[in-house]
Amino acid sequence: MWKSLIAVPVLLSMAGSALAASAVNKDSEPRTLVVTEGSSKRELTLGAGETVEFCASGCFVTLPNGDLEALTGSETVEISGGVARVK
């Protein structure tokens, strides 16, 4: 019984840290996001129709229009018509 009571919080804490933000490109051409995690900055290019997971522990994302968004790791960035929206 006690093992079950201890295991549940441990599993829940592990599941919470496994979350990552995702980006979906619904356009027919590639789109690029700039992802900044800590002191690391990289370009994330999504092909047409591609979905990727990134930003597991929070980050900043520069969207195709130049807007900067802070992500915690649970959001979805949806790109459609060249416009990105954070959901």
C-alpha atoms as a PDB file:
ATOM      1  CA  MET A   1       0.000   0.000   0.000  1.00  0.00           C
ATOM      2  CA  TRP A   2       2.704   2.483   0.987  1.00  0.00           C
ATOM      3  CA  LYS A   3       4.661   1.749  -2.176  1.00  0.00           C
ATOM      4  CA  SER A   4       1.620   2.744  -4.244  1.00  0.00           C
ATOM      5  CA  LEU A   5       1.217   5.998  -2.328  1.00  0.00           C
ATOM      6  CA  ILE A   6       4.839   6.894  -2.972  1.00  0.00           C
ATOM      7  CA  ALA A   7       4.883   5.756  -6.595  1.00  0.00           C
ATOM      8  CA  VAL A   8       1.946   7.932  -7.720  1.00  0.00           C
ATOM      9  CA  PRO A   9       3.540  11.334  -6.902  1.00  0.00           C
ATOM     10  CA  VAL A  10       6.845  10.192  -8.391  1.00  0.00           C
ATOM     11  CA  LEU A  11       5.168   9.151 -11.644  1.00  0.00           C
ATOM     12  CA  LEU A  12       3.157  12.373 -11.807  1.00  0.00           C
ATOM     13  CA  SER A  13       6.260  14.512 -11.320  1.00  0.00           C
ATOM     14  CA  MET A  14       8.053  12.590 -14.068  1.00  0.00           C
ATOM     15  CA  ALA A  15       5.115  13.010 -16.456  1.00  0.00           C
ATOM     16  CA  GLY A  16       5.029  16.752 -15.790  1.00  0.00           C
ATOM     17  CA  SER A  17       8.669  17.173 -16.762  1.00  0.00           C
ATOM     18  CA  ALA A  18       8.192  15.174 -19.976  1.00  0.00           C
ATOM     19  CA  LEU A  19       5.923  17.802 -21.505  1.00  0.00           C
ATOM     20  CA  ALA A  20       7.204  19.775 -24.449  1.00  0.00           C
ATOM     21  CA  ALA A  21       5.790  22.505 -26.619  1.00  0.00           C
ATOM     22  CA  SER A  22       4.895  21.531 -30.150  1.00  0.00           C
ATOM     23  CA  ALA A  23       4.837  23.367 -33.453  1.00  0.00           C
ATOM     24  CA  VAL A  24       2.551  22.486 -36.363  1.00  0.00           C
ATOM     25  CA  ASN A  25       3.096  23.869 -39.866  1.00  0.00           C
ATOM     26  CA  LYS A  26      -0.214  23.744 -41.737  1.00  0.00           C
ATOM     27  CA  ASP A  27       1.214  25.663 -44.698  1.00  0.00           C
ATOM     28  CA  SER A  28       2.375  24.133 -47.966  1.00  0.00           C
ATOM     29  CA  GLU A  29       5.870  25.620 -47.635  1.00  0.00           C
ATOM     30  CA  PRO A  30       8.539  25.457 -44.917  1.00  0.00           C
ATOM     31  CA  ARG A  31       8.408  27.926 -41.999  1.00  0.00           C
ATOM     32  CA  THR A  32      11.142  28.796 -39.502  1.00  0.00           C
ATOM     33  CA  LEU A  33      10.949  29.568 -35.797  1.00  0.00           C
ATOM     34  CA  VAL A  34      13.904  30.837 -33.749  1.00  0.00           C
ATOM     35  CA  VAL A  35      14.062  29.022 -30.406  1.00  0.00           C
ATOM     36  CA  THR A  36      16.069  30.411 -27.481  1.00  0.00           C
ATOM     37  CA  GLU A  37      16.619  28.088 -24.520  1.00  0.00           C
ATOM     38  CA  GLY A  38      18.928  29.532 -21.886  1.00  0.00           C
ATOM     39  CA  SER A  39      21.935  30.881 -23.759  1.00  0.00           C
ATOM     40  CA  SER A  40      21.364  28.598 -26.768  1.00  0.00           C
ATOM     41  CA  LYS A  41      19.648  29.984 -29.871  1.00  0.00           C
ATOM     42  CA  ARG A  42      18.727  27.843 -32.879  1.00  0.00           C
ATOM     43  CA  GLU A  43      16.523  27.900 -35.952  1.00  0.00           C
ATOM     44  CA  LEU A  44      13.773  25.306 -36.101  1.00  0.00           C
ATOM     45  CA  THR A  45      12.579  24.797 -39.678  1.00  0.00           C
ATOM     46  CA  LEU A  46       9.297  22.959 -40.121  1.00  0.00           C
ATOM     47  CA  GLY A  47       8.512  21.426 -43.484  1.00  0.00           C
ATOM     48  CA  ALA A  48       5.046  21.612 -45.008  1.00  0.00           C
ATOM     49  CA  GLY A  49       2.607  19.694 -42.800  1.00  0.00           C
ATOM     50  CA  GLU A  50       5.291  18.833 -40.245  1.00  0.00           C
ATOM     51  CA  THR A  51       4.792  18.706 -36.469  1.00  0.00           C
ATOM     52  CA  VAL A  52       7.719  18.805 -34.034  1.00  0.00           C
ATOM     53  CA  GLU A  53       8.141  18.863 -30.265  1.00  0.00           C
ATOM     54  CA  PHE A  54      10.659  21.205 -28.672  1.00  0.00           C
ATOM     55  CA  CYS A  55      11.172  23.391 -25.605  1.00  0.00           C
ATOM     56  CA  ALA A  56      10.798  20.847 -22.806  1.00  0.00           C
ATOM     57  CA  SER A  57      11.766  23.223 -20.004  1.00  0.00           C
ATOM     58  CA  GLY A  58      10.601  26.635 -21.187  1.00  0.00           C
ATOM     59  CA  CYS A  59      11.994  28.866 -23.890  1.00  0.00           C
ATOM     60  CA  PHE A  60      11.453  31.953 -26.009  1.00  0.00           C
ATOM     61  CA  VAL A  61      10.289  31.592 -29.612  1.00  0.00           C
ATOM     62  CA  THR A  62      10.545  34.194 -32.339  1.00  0.00           C
ATOM     63  CA  LEU A  63       7.602  33.653 -34.686  1.00  0.00           C
ATOM     64  CA  PRO A  64       7.755  34.139 -38.481  1.00  0.00           C
ATOM     65  CA  ASN A  65       6.374  37.705 -38.148  1.00  0.00           C
ATOM     66  CA  GLY A  66       9.087  38.647 -35.620  1.00  0.00           C
ATOM     67  CA  ASP A  67       6.942  38.478 -32.464  1.00  0.00           C
ATOM     68  CA  LEU A  68       8.653  36.985 -29.412  1.00  0.00           C
ATOM     69  CA  GLU A  69       6.661  34.570 -27.219  1.00  0.00           C
ATOM     70  CA  ALA A  70       7.633  32.927 -23.928  1.00  0.00           C
ATOM     71  CA  LEU A  71       6.667  29.251 -23.736  1.00  0.00           C
ATOM     72  CA  THR A  72       6.505  27.051 -20.647  1.00  0.00           C
ATOM     73  CA  GLY A  73       6.564  23.777 -22.591  1.00  0.00           C
ATOM     74  CA  SER A  74       2.864  22.926 -22.782  1.00  0.00           C
ATOM     75  CA  GLU A  75       1.792  25.146 -25.689  1.00  0.00           C
ATOM     76  CA  THR A  76       1.207  24.460 -29.359  1.00  0.00           C
ATOM     77  CA  VAL A  77       2.452  26.895 -31.989  1.00  0.00           C
ATOM     78  CA  GLU A  78       0.212  26.569 -35.041  1.00  0.00           C
ATOM     79  CA  ILE A  79       1.385  28.093 -38.315  1.00  0.00           C
ATOM     80  CA  SER A  80      -1.254  28.680 -40.986  1.00  0.00           C
ATOM     81  CA  GLY A  81      -1.216  31.185 -43.834  1.00  0.00           C
ATOM     82  CA  GLY A  82       2.240  32.335 -42.753  1.00  0.00           C
ATOM     83  CA  VAL A  83       0.855  33.417 -39.361  1.00  0.00           C
ATOM     84  CA  ALA A  84       1.771  31.676 -36.117  1.00  0.00           C
ATOM     85  CA  ARG A  85      -0.585  31.442 -33.166  1.00  0.00           C
ATOM     86  CA  VAL A  86       0.237  30.105 -29.713  1.00  0.00           C
ATOM     87  CA  LYS A  87      -2.484  27.895 -28.275  1.00  0.00           C
END
